[in-house]
Protein backbone atom coordinates (compact mmCIF):
# COMPACT_ATOMS: atom_id res chain seq x y z
CA MET A 1 50.36 139.10 104.70
CA ARG A 2 52.51 141.01 102.51
CA ARG A 3 54.80 138.31 100.64
CA ASN A 4 58.16 139.70 99.63
CA PRO A 5 60.78 137.44 97.58
CA ALA A 6 62.88 135.83 100.26
CA TYR A 7 64.80 132.95 100.41
CA CYS A 8 64.15 129.90 102.29
CA GLU A 9 66.38 128.36 104.50
CA GLU A 10 64.88 125.31 104.61
CA THR A 11 64.34 125.00 100.85
CA GLU A 12 67.87 126.64 99.98
CA GLU A 13 65.31 128.30 96.98
CA PHE A 14 63.23 131.50 96.55
CA TRP A 15 59.86 131.83 97.37
CA VAL A 16 57.72 134.44 95.83
CA GLU A 17 54.06 135.32 96.11
CA GLY A 18 54.01 132.04 97.81
CA LEU A 19 55.65 129.65 95.19
CA ILE A 20 58.48 128.18 94.81
CA THR A 21 60.86 129.86 91.64
CA ASP A 22 63.79 129.75 90.37
CA LYS A 23 66.64 131.11 91.78
CA GLN A 24 66.35 134.73 90.75
CA LEU A 25 65.53 137.09 92.98
CA PRO A 26 65.87 141.16 92.84
CA ASN A 27 68.10 141.98 95.66
CA PRO A 28 70.08 139.28 96.14
CA ASP A 29 70.73 140.60 99.61
CA LEU A 30 67.15 139.98 100.95
CA ALA A 31 67.37 136.79 102.42
CA LEU A 32 64.78 134.24 105.13
CA ILE A 33 65.82 133.51 107.93
CA VAL A 34 63.13 130.74 109.25
CA THR A 35 62.67 128.20 112.15
CA ASN A 36 59.55 126.00 110.47
CA THR A 37 60.30 124.13 107.45
CA LEU A 38 56.86 126.03 105.79
CA CYS A 39 58.10 129.45 105.24
CA TRP A 40 55.46 130.64 106.25
CA SER A 41 58.01 133.69 108.20
CA LEU A 42 58.40 136.85 105.80
CA THR A 43 61.35 138.66 107.82
CA LEU A 44 63.61 139.59 105.75
CA THR A 45 67.30 140.06 106.84
CA LYS A 46 70.57 139.56 105.42
CA PRO A 47 71.46 136.41 105.39
CA SER A 48 74.71 135.85 107.92
CA ARG A 49 77.28 133.84 106.27
CA SER A 50 79.69 133.71 109.62
CA PRO A 51 81.37 130.34 111.25
CA SER A 52 79.63 130.43 114.48
CA ASP A 53 75.81 130.35 112.58
CA PRO A 54 75.45 126.31 112.77
CA SER A 55 72.77 126.63 109.68
CA THR A 56 76.15 127.65 107.80
CA ARG A 57 79.19 125.91 109.46
CA ASP A 58 80.51 123.03 107.89
CA SER A 59 78.63 120.35 109.08
CA SER A 60 81.97 117.79 108.96
CA ARG A 61 83.24 119.79 111.77
CA GLY A 62 80.40 118.40 114.12
CA PRO A 63 77.46 115.94 114.83
CA LYS A 64 75.05 115.52 111.87
CA LEU A 65 71.95 117.15 113.59
CA GLU A 66 68.36 117.82 111.86
CA ARG A 67 68.50 121.18 110.42
CA ASP A 68 65.56 121.92 112.98
CA ILE A 69 67.57 121.69 116.14
CA THR A 70 70.82 123.61 114.38
CA LEU A 71 68.65 126.37 114.13
CA TRP A 72 67.13 126.29 117.56
CA ILE A 73 70.74 126.15 118.71
CA LYS A 74 71.04 129.18 116.74
CA ARG A 75 67.97 130.87 118.48
CA ALA A 76 68.99 129.35 121.94
CA LEU A 77 72.78 131.24 121.84
CA ASP A 78 71.31 134.44 120.10
CA GLU A 79 69.05 134.62 123.33
CA ASP A 80 71.22 133.43 126.18
CA LEU A 81 74.11 136.22 124.39
CA GLY A 82 72.42 138.85 123.09
CA ALA A 83 75.16 141.20 122.51
CA GLY A 84 77.34 139.30 124.05
CA ASP A 85 78.70 137.75 127.34
CA VAL A 86 79.60 140.59 129.53
CA THR A 87 80.84 139.12 132.20
CA THR A 88 83.23 136.56 130.47
CA ASN A 89 84.01 138.74 127.93
CA ASN A 90 85.66 141.07 130.73
CA ILE A 91 87.17 138.17 132.87
CA VAL A 92 88.86 135.84 130.37
CA ARG A 93 91.28 136.81 127.93
CA ASP A 94 90.20 136.96 124.44
CA ASN A 95 93.02 134.12 123.46
CA ALA A 96 92.54 132.00 126.60
CA SER A 97 91.55 128.48 126.18
CA ALA A 98 90.02 126.12 128.77
CA THR A 99 89.20 122.32 129.18
CA ALA A 100 86.20 121.23 131.01
CA ARG A 101 84.61 118.07 131.54
CA ILE A 102 80.46 117.85 131.48
CA VAL A 103 79.43 115.41 134.41
CA SER A 104 76.41 113.42 134.63
CA LYS A 105 74.82 113.55 138.64
CA GLN A 106 72.79 111.72 138.44
CA ASP A 107 71.47 107.95 136.94
CA GLY A 108 69.29 107.57 133.68
CA ILE A 109 69.51 108.03 130.03
CA VAL A 110 71.77 110.22 128.88
CA SER A 111 70.47 112.60 125.90
CA GLY A 112 71.56 115.75 124.02
CA VAL A 113 75.42 114.83 123.61
CA ASP A 114 75.28 115.67 119.55
CA VAL A 115 73.49 118.60 120.92
CA ALA A 116 75.40 119.91 122.95
CA GLN A 117 78.83 119.35 121.29
CA ASP A 118 76.95 121.55 118.43
CA VAL A 119 76.09 124.08 120.99
CA PHE A 120 79.84 125.13 121.51
CA LEU A 121 80.90 124.57 118.01
CA ALA A 122 78.22 127.22 117.24
CA LEU A 123 80.83 129.06 118.91
CA ASP A 124 84.25 128.70 117.68
CA GLU A 125 84.45 125.96 115.66
CA SER A 126 88.27 124.94 116.86
CA VAL A 127 86.93 123.66 119.66
CA GLU A 128 87.42 119.51 119.90
CA PHE A 129 85.34 116.73 122.10
CA ILE A 130 86.40 113.55 123.77
CA SER A 131 82.56 111.75 124.19
CA SER A 132 82.64 109.41 126.52
CA VAL A 133 79.25 108.32 126.04
CA SER A 134 76.31 107.90 123.05
CA ASP A 135 73.21 108.98 123.04
CA GLY A 136 70.80 106.98 124.95
CA ALA A 137 73.33 104.92 126.90
CA ARG A 138 72.64 104.49 130.37
CA VAL A 139 74.84 106.28 133.03
CA VAL A 140 75.51 107.08 136.65
CA THR A 141 76.40 109.36 139.27
CA GLY A 142 79.57 110.68 138.69
CA GLN A 143 79.93 109.56 135.06
CA LEU A 144 82.07 111.66 132.59
CA LEU A 145 79.94 112.57 129.68
CA LEU A 146 81.82 114.82 127.67
CA GLU A 147 84.99 116.56 128.03
CA LEU A 148 85.86 119.69 125.05
CA ALA A 149 88.82 121.63 124.88
CA GLY A 150 89.25 125.19 123.34
CA PRO A 151 88.68 128.60 123.71
CA ALA A 152 87.75 129.55 127.30
CA ARG A 153 85.21 132.05 125.92
CA ALA A 154 83.53 129.19 123.71
CA VAL A 155 83.55 127.31 126.79
CA PHE A 156 82.06 130.07 129.26
CA SER A 157 79.83 131.29 127.21
CA GLY A 158 78.01 128.09 125.89
CA GLU A 159 77.65 126.19 128.67
CA ARG A 160 74.17 127.37 130.28
CA THR A 161 72.71 126.46 126.67
CA ALA A 162 74.49 123.11 126.14
CA LEU A 163 73.43 121.86 129.53
CA ASN A 164 70.14 123.31 129.50
CA PHE A 165 69.96 120.98 126.29
CA LEU A 166 71.41 118.05 127.84
CA GLY A 167 69.50 118.54 130.54
CA ARG A 168 65.94 118.34 129.33
CA MET A 169 66.68 115.94 126.82
CA SER A 170 68.17 113.40 129.16
CA GLY A 171 64.93 113.89 131.64
CA ILE A 172 63.13 113.41 128.50
CA ALA A 173 64.94 109.99 127.87
CA THR A 174 65.37 108.50 131.14
CA LEU A 175 61.36 109.11 131.80
CA THR A 176 60.93 107.34 128.58
CA ARG A 177 63.18 104.27 129.16
CA GLN A 178 61.40 103.73 132.69
CA PHE A 179 57.97 103.39 130.77
CA VAL A 180 59.57 101.51 128.12
CA ASP A 181 61.42 99.48 131.07
CA ALA A 182 58.38 98.58 133.04
CA ILE A 183 56.52 96.95 130.00
CA ALA A 184 59.26 94.65 129.02
CA GLY A 185 58.37 91.38 127.56
CA THR A 186 54.88 92.61 126.02
CA LYS A 187 54.83 93.66 122.14
CA VAL A 188 53.57 97.36 123.26
CA VAL A 189 55.46 100.44 121.94
CA ILE A 190 55.32 103.29 124.04
CA LEU A 191 54.74 106.67 121.98
CA ASP A 192 55.00 110.41 122.90
CA THR A 193 52.60 113.45 122.10
CA ARG A 194 53.08 116.85 120.83
CA LYS A 195 52.89 117.69 124.09
CA THR A 196 56.14 119.32 123.68
CA VAL A 197 57.59 122.92 124.23
CA PRO A 198 56.65 125.10 121.16
CA GLY A 199 59.32 125.41 118.83
CA LEU A 200 61.64 122.38 120.54
CA ARG A 201 59.70 119.45 118.90
CA ALA A 202 62.33 117.90 117.11
CA ILE A 203 64.73 118.29 120.31
CA ASP A 204 61.84 116.32 122.74
CA LYS A 205 60.97 113.69 120.25
CA LEU A 206 64.71 113.34 119.68
CA ALA A 207 64.69 112.60 123.54
CA VAL A 208 61.96 110.03 123.42
CA ARG A 209 64.05 108.06 120.67
CA HIS A 210 67.60 108.22 122.49
CA GLY A 211 64.97 106.41 125.52
CA GLY A 212 64.29 103.70 123.36
CA GLY A 213 60.15 105.14 122.55
CA GLN A 214 58.67 106.14 119.40
CA ASN A 215 57.12 109.11 117.66
CA HIS A 216 53.52 109.71 117.00
CA ARG A 217 53.15 112.20 114.75
CA PHE A 218 55.03 114.98 114.03
CA GLY A 219 52.50 117.70 113.34
CA LEU A 220 49.25 118.33 112.26
CA TYR A 221 50.10 117.74 109.01
CA ASP A 222 51.86 113.84 108.46
CA MET A 223 48.57 111.81 110.24
CA VAL A 224 44.99 112.50 110.16
CA LEU A 225 43.60 112.11 114.12
CA ILE A 226 39.88 112.33 114.34
CA LYS A 227 39.69 114.02 118.25
CA ASP A 228 36.82 114.53 120.46
CA ASN A 229 36.41 117.90 119.48
CA HIS A 230 36.55 116.86 116.07
CA ILE A 231 33.56 114.51 116.29
CA ASP A 232 31.37 117.11 118.55
CA TYR A 233 32.00 119.68 115.61
CA ALA A 234 30.75 117.07 112.95
CA GLY A 235 28.15 116.18 114.94
CA SER A 236 28.97 111.90 114.99
CA LEU A 237 31.94 110.12 114.50
CA SER A 238 31.01 108.66 111.53
CA GLU A 239 30.01 111.99 109.82
CA ALA A 240 33.85 113.35 110.72
CA ILE A 241 35.09 110.21 108.90
CA ARG A 242 33.30 110.27 105.84
CA ARG A 243 34.66 114.13 105.92
CA ILE A 244 38.33 112.62 106.35
CA GLN A 245 37.19 110.08 104.04
CA ALA A 246 35.39 112.23 101.19
CA SER A 247 38.62 114.66 101.04
CA GLY A 248 40.86 111.84 99.33
CA THR A 249 43.40 112.12 101.87
CA SER A 250 46.14 109.28 101.56
CA ARG A 251 47.73 110.26 104.74
CA ASP A 252 46.79 107.30 107.47
CA ILE A 253 43.60 108.01 109.78
CA GLU A 254 43.62 107.18 113.05
CA VAL A 255 40.20 107.61 115.45
CA GLU A 256 40.04 108.41 118.98
CA ALA A 257 37.12 106.67 120.69
CA ARG A 258 35.76 107.48 124.03
CA THR A 259 33.56 104.71 124.17
CA ILE A 260 33.48 100.80 123.56
CA ASP A 261 30.25 102.31 121.05
CA GLU A 262 32.93 104.29 119.05
CA VAL A 263 35.14 101.57 118.58
CA GLN A 264 32.95 99.36 116.88
CA GLU A 265 31.62 101.93 114.56
CA ALA A 266 35.40 103.11 113.80
CA LEU A 267 35.71 99.62 113.10
CA ASP A 268 32.49 99.03 111.09
CA LEU A 269 33.73 101.99 108.98
CA GLY A 270 37.19 100.27 108.25
CA ILE A 271 39.16 102.18 110.51
CA LYS A 272 42.63 100.78 110.82
CA ARG A 273 44.02 102.62 113.94
CA ILE A 274 41.85 103.65 116.85
CA LEU A 275 43.05 105.57 119.98
CA LEU A 276 41.12 104.25 123.38
CA ASP A 277 40.53 107.64 125.13
CA ASN A 278 40.94 107.26 128.60
CA MET A 279 39.62 103.64 129.34
CA SER A 280 39.46 101.95 131.99
CA VAL A 281 41.35 98.25 131.73
CA VAL A 282 38.49 96.50 131.06
CA GLU A 283 37.11 98.40 128.56
CA LEU A 284 40.62 97.98 127.05
CA ARG A 285 40.43 94.32 127.18
CA GLU A 286 36.89 94.48 125.37
CA ALA A 287 38.41 96.65 122.44
CA VAL A 288 41.12 94.67 122.12
CA ASN A 289 38.65 91.60 121.81
CA LEU A 290 36.80 93.73 118.99
CA GLY A 291 39.44 94.76 117.61
CA ALA A 292 41.82 91.90 116.95
CA GLY A 293 43.11 91.76 113.35
CA LYS A 294 41.52 94.47 112.16
CA ALA A 295 43.08 97.79 114.12
CA LYS A 296 45.92 99.00 115.33
CA LEU A 297 44.99 100.15 119.17
CA GLU A 298 46.43 102.64 121.04
CA ALA A 299 45.53 103.43 125.04
CA SER A 300 46.33 107.05 125.94
CA GLY A 301 45.17 108.65 128.71
CA ASN A 302 45.86 108.67 132.51
CA VAL A 303 49.22 106.66 132.14
CA THR A 304 51.63 106.49 134.61
CA LEU A 305 54.25 104.24 136.22
CA ASP A 306 52.12 102.72 138.42
CA ASN A 307 49.79 101.46 135.74
CA VAL A 308 51.84 101.24 132.58
CA ARG A 309 52.08 97.58 133.16
CA GLU A 310 48.61 96.72 133.36
CA VAL A 311 47.83 98.78 130.32
CA ALA A 312 50.17 96.77 128.11
CA GLU A 313 48.85 93.25 129.10
CA ALA A 314 44.98 94.37 128.54
CA GLY A 315 46.40 93.57 124.60
CA VAL A 316 46.67 97.21 122.90
CA ASP A 317 49.82 97.64 120.15
CA PHE A 318 50.49 101.45 121.26
CA ILE A 319 50.65 103.64 124.16
CA SER A 320 50.81 107.25 123.55
CA ILE A 321 51.91 109.32 127.28
CA GLY A 322 52.40 113.00 127.25
CA ALA A 323 54.55 113.28 130.47
CA LEU A 324 57.43 112.12 128.33
CA THR A 325 57.65 115.37 127.28
CA HIS A 326 55.67 118.01 129.31
CA SER A 327 56.63 116.66 133.14
CA ALA A 328 59.92 114.82 132.74
CA LYS A 329 62.23 116.25 135.41
CA ALA A 330 65.39 117.77 134.29
CA PHE A 331 68.46 115.85 134.45
CA ASP A 332 71.58 116.61 136.91
CA VAL A 333 74.36 117.45 134.77
CA SER A 334 77.35 120.00 135.57
CA LEU A 335 80.05 121.16 134.00
CA ARG A 336 83.99 121.67 135.36
CA LEU A 337 86.77 123.04 134.66
CA VAL A 338 89.93 121.06 134.37
CA GLY A 339 93.02 122.16 135.31
């Protein structure tokens, strides 16, 4: 990789030869516009400072969103608009105004109201909103979610991107709440996984939180999870654990156990969190008896709304469900002009 000097939008520092340095750059017009937190992409370009760029817009004008999300809003708009909305720009007058309402077309949990607002604000900061609900609220068919008013072109051009985010996020939140409600009264926490749309993990995981679930590790960097392939490569569960412990890592360590024998093996080595992979309810109960007071236990694999209650009542601490983000059905919402 060629390591040219670049400005990292994530850290607001200059990056030269792989190191963060003082804010000195031979050519101040060179900048790095990135969509990840590690500044690995070194495509150099002139930084945009237009009001329509959500990464530079005054955040007091709209909802406070994670930086990864605002960057993906910009990317989604760039993808949709390209060189410009050739339909809207030739039909709608430049100085026209419009008022519109976004309405739920089904019952469920809403998520993405703040994101939808930021989509429109990225196109024009003068758009104003009346939000009827907050993210995480339960809504019914026909309920008003958001009313907006402002430049008509911004309303028309932002519609699809805003509804795409709102529909996906609300679908995830709705499915998550169904699982949370199904285990009500137990101690179990519903977790997501890394089975998210590439690049949209922050958005998918935010929707899970709006639905009442919690986030598992965000990526490969923030927690050690020794999985089956790691174990097979190392030759045994004990050897995989030994290698991790020898690294001196301070991160939490979780081990995937496929059998009761592996659960015992992990417990003997002092592991405090164990993922019980595709175990039957009988095996889950046995693992719970072994791990009582010694480790937190997470059930994972083939969990559905039909069996999640039985899995929870086996006594585990967590249930992780990939379907929350990889199989959630899009929530039906629509935008209609008023007047």
